[in-house]
Amino acid sequence: MGKIKSAMIKRAAHQMMKEENTFTTEFNTNKKLLGDTMPSKKNRNKIAGYIARLKRVEKRKKIIVAAKDD
């Protein structure tokens, strides 16, 4: 079974995704983008991973919708 992210991590990730549109599906890229704003390494990594996961899900939804339209 997978690990569940805390509400604080989810809330922070969603808020940052609304503010910035530069996040990608790559964990390392997101980690570097969060490097200056997040003082805690542990929380930075959790948020970067959660954002990467959300972006992958978002990308899959776009592919499925595009396939249904064709």
N, C-alpha and C. Protein backbone atom coordinates (compact mmCIF):
# COMPACT_ATOMS: atom_id res chain seq x y z
N MET A 1 0.83 -1.17 0.00
CA MET A 1 0.00 0.00 0.00
C MET A 1 0.88 1.24 0.00
N GLY A 2 0.38 2.29 -0.58
CA GLY A 2 1.14 3.53 -0.70
C GLY A 2 1.04 4.39 0.54
N LYS A 3 1.91 5.36 0.59
CA LYS A 3 1.90 6.31 1.70
C LYS A 3 0.91 7.43 1.39
N ILE A 4 0.27 7.92 2.42
CA ILE A 4 -0.71 8.99 2.26
C ILE A 4 -0.05 10.31 2.64
N LYS A 5 -0.22 11.32 1.83
CA LYS A 5 0.34 12.64 2.11
C LYS A 5 -0.57 13.39 3.08
N SER A 6 0.03 14.19 3.94
CA SER A 6 -0.75 14.95 4.91
C SER A 6 -1.51 16.07 4.21
N ALA A 7 -2.51 16.58 4.90
CA ALA A 7 -3.33 17.66 4.34
C ALA A 7 -2.49 18.91 4.12
N MET A 8 -1.49 19.14 4.98
CA MET A 8 -0.63 20.32 4.82
C MET A 8 0.16 20.24 3.52
N ILE A 9 0.68 19.06 3.19
CA ILE A 9 1.45 18.87 1.97
C ILE A 9 0.54 19.07 0.75
N LYS A 10 -0.64 18.49 0.79
CA LYS A 10 -1.58 18.62 -0.33
C LYS A 10 -2.01 20.07 -0.52
N ARG A 11 -2.32 20.75 0.57
CA ARG A 11 -2.76 22.14 0.50
C ARG A 11 -1.67 23.03 -0.07
N ALA A 12 -0.44 22.83 0.40
CA ALA A 12 0.68 23.64 -0.09
C ALA A 12 0.94 23.37 -1.57
N ALA A 13 0.86 22.10 -1.98
CA ALA A 13 1.11 21.74 -3.38
C ALA A 13 0.06 22.36 -4.30
N HIS A 14 -1.20 22.27 -3.91
CA HIS A 14 -2.27 22.84 -4.74
C HIS A 14 -2.15 24.36 -4.83
N GLN A 15 -1.80 24.99 -3.72
CA GLN A 15 -1.64 26.44 -3.71
C GLN A 15 -0.48 26.86 -4.61
N MET A 16 0.63 26.14 -4.56
CA MET A 16 1.79 26.48 -5.39
C MET A 16 1.52 26.23 -6.86
N MET A 17 0.73 25.20 -7.16
CA MET A 17 0.40 24.93 -8.55
C MET A 17 -0.49 26.04 -9.12
N LYS A 18 -1.35 26.63 -8.29
CA LYS A 18 -2.19 27.73 -8.75
C LYS A 18 -1.36 28.98 -9.02
N GLU A 19 -0.36 29.22 -8.18
CA GLU A 19 0.47 30.41 -8.31
C GLU A 19 1.47 30.32 -9.46
N GLU A 20 2.09 29.16 -9.61
CA GLU A 20 3.11 28.98 -10.65
C GLU A 20 2.67 27.88 -11.61
N ASN A 21 2.93 28.09 -12.88
CA ASN A 21 2.59 27.09 -13.88
C ASN A 21 3.86 26.48 -14.48
N THR A 22 4.98 26.58 -13.76
CA THR A 22 6.25 26.10 -14.29
C THR A 22 6.58 24.68 -13.84
N PHE A 23 5.75 24.06 -13.03
CA PHE A 23 6.03 22.72 -12.54
C PHE A 23 5.85 21.69 -13.64
N THR A 24 6.61 20.60 -13.55
CA THR A 24 6.58 19.55 -14.56
C THR A 24 6.29 18.20 -13.90
N THR A 25 6.38 17.15 -14.69
CA THR A 25 6.19 15.80 -14.17
C THR A 25 7.48 15.24 -13.58
N GLU A 26 8.57 15.98 -13.67
CA GLU A 26 9.87 15.54 -13.16
C GLU A 26 10.08 16.01 -11.72
N PHE A 27 10.38 15.07 -10.84
CA PHE A 27 10.59 15.37 -9.43
C PHE A 27 11.77 16.32 -9.23
N ASN A 28 12.90 16.03 -9.88
CA ASN A 28 14.10 16.85 -9.67
C ASN A 28 13.91 18.30 -10.13
N THR A 29 13.21 18.49 -11.22
CA THR A 29 12.93 19.84 -11.71
C THR A 29 12.07 20.60 -10.70
N ASN A 30 11.04 19.94 -10.20
CA ASN A 30 10.16 20.57 -9.21
C ASN A 30 10.91 20.88 -7.92
N LYS A 31 11.81 19.97 -7.55
CA LYS A 31 12.59 20.17 -6.33
C LYS A 31 13.47 21.42 -6.45
N LYS A 32 14.06 21.61 -7.62
CA LYS A 32 14.90 22.80 -7.84
C LYS A 32 14.05 24.07 -7.83
N LEU A 33 12.85 24.00 -8.40
CA LEU A 33 11.96 25.16 -8.41
C LEU A 33 11.53 25.56 -6.99
N LEU A 34 11.37 24.56 -6.14
CA LEU A 34 10.96 24.82 -4.76
C LEU A 34 12.14 25.12 -3.84
N GLY A 35 13.34 24.95 -4.32
CA GLY A 35 14.53 25.07 -3.49
C GLY A 35 14.65 26.36 -2.72
N ASP A 36 14.32 27.47 -3.32
CA ASP A 36 14.47 28.76 -2.65
C ASP A 36 13.33 29.06 -1.69
N THR A 37 12.15 28.57 -1.99
CA THR A 37 10.99 28.94 -1.19
C THR A 37 10.76 28.03 0.01
N MET A 38 11.26 26.82 -0.03
CA MET A 38 11.01 25.86 1.05
C MET A 38 12.25 25.70 1.93
N PRO A 39 12.16 26.05 3.19
CA PRO A 39 13.33 25.92 4.07
C PRO A 39 13.58 24.47 4.51
N SER A 40 12.54 23.67 4.57
CA SER A 40 12.66 22.30 5.04
C SER A 40 12.87 21.34 3.87
N LYS A 41 13.96 20.59 3.91
CA LYS A 41 14.29 19.65 2.84
C LYS A 41 13.23 18.55 2.75
N LYS A 42 12.80 18.05 3.89
CA LYS A 42 11.81 16.97 3.92
C LYS A 42 10.49 17.40 3.28
N ASN A 43 9.99 18.56 3.68
CA ASN A 43 8.73 19.05 3.11
C ASN A 43 8.88 19.42 1.65
N ARG A 44 10.02 19.99 1.27
CA ARG A 44 10.26 20.34 -0.13
C ARG A 44 10.18 19.09 -1.00
N ASN A 45 10.80 18.00 -0.56
CA ASN A 45 10.78 16.77 -1.33
C ASN A 45 9.38 16.17 -1.41
N LYS A 46 8.64 16.22 -0.32
CA LYS A 46 7.28 15.69 -0.33
C LYS A 46 6.38 16.48 -1.28
N ILE A 47 6.49 17.80 -1.21
CA ILE A 47 5.66 18.66 -2.07
C ILE A 47 6.06 18.49 -3.53
N ALA A 48 7.36 18.42 -3.82
CA ALA A 48 7.83 18.24 -5.20
C ALA A 48 7.34 16.92 -5.77
N GLY A 49 7.37 15.86 -4.97
CA GLY A 49 6.88 14.56 -5.42
C GLY A 49 5.38 14.56 -5.64
N TYR A 50 4.65 15.20 -4.76
CA TYR A 50 3.19 15.26 -4.91
C TYR A 50 2.79 16.07 -6.13
N ILE A 51 3.50 17.18 -6.38
CA ILE A 51 3.22 17.99 -7.57
C ILE A 51 3.52 17.19 -8.83
N ALA A 52 4.62 16.44 -8.84
CA ALA A 52 4.95 15.61 -10.00
C ALA A 52 3.85 14.58 -10.26
N ARG A 53 3.35 14.00 -9.20
CA ARG A 53 2.26 13.02 -9.33
C ARG A 53 0.99 13.67 -9.88
N LEU A 54 0.64 14.84 -9.36
CA LEU A 54 -0.54 15.55 -9.86
C LEU A 54 -0.40 15.92 -11.33
N LYS A 55 0.79 16.32 -11.73
CA LYS A 55 1.03 16.69 -13.13
C LYS A 55 0.91 15.47 -14.05
N ARG A 56 1.40 14.30 -13.58
CA ARG A 56 1.27 13.07 -14.38
C ARG A 56 -0.19 12.69 -14.55
N VAL A 57 -0.98 12.80 -13.49
CA VAL A 57 -2.41 12.50 -13.56
C VAL A 57 -3.10 13.46 -14.52
N GLU A 58 -2.76 14.74 -14.42
CA GLU A 58 -3.33 15.76 -15.30
C GLU A 58 -3.00 15.47 -16.77
N LYS A 59 -1.78 15.04 -17.01
CA LYS A 59 -1.34 14.72 -18.37
C LYS A 59 -2.11 13.52 -18.92
N ARG A 60 -2.30 12.49 -18.07
CA ARG A 60 -3.05 11.30 -18.50
C ARG A 60 -4.50 11.64 -18.83
N LYS A 61 -5.10 12.52 -18.04
CA LYS A 61 -6.49 12.92 -18.30
C LYS A 61 -6.61 13.61 -19.64
N LYS A 62 -5.64 14.45 -19.99
CA LYS A 62 -5.67 15.14 -21.27
C LYS A 62 -5.55 14.16 -22.42
N ILE A 63 -4.71 13.13 -22.26
CA ILE A 63 -4.54 12.12 -23.30
C ILE A 63 -5.82 11.33 -23.48
N ILE A 64 -6.47 10.96 -22.38
CA ILE A 64 -7.71 10.19 -22.46
C ILE A 64 -8.81 11.01 -23.12
N VAL A 65 -8.93 12.27 -22.76
CA VAL A 65 -9.95 13.13 -23.36
C VAL A 65 -9.68 13.31 -24.85
N ALA A 66 -8.43 13.47 -25.23
CA ALA A 66 -8.08 13.63 -26.64
C ALA A 66 -8.39 12.35 -27.42
N ALA A 67 -8.18 11.19 -26.81
CA ALA A 67 -8.46 9.92 -27.48
C ALA A 67 -9.97 9.73 -27.66
N LYS A 68 -10.76 10.16 -26.69
CA LYS A 68 -12.21 10.03 -26.80
C LYS A 68 -12.78 10.97 -27.86
N ASP A 69 -12.15 12.12 -28.05
CA ASP A 69 -12.62 13.08 -29.05
C ASP A 69 -12.37 12.58 -30.47
N ASP A 70 -11.36 11.74 -30.64
CA ASP A 70 -11.04 11.24 -31.99
C ASP A 70 -11.92 10.13 -32.40
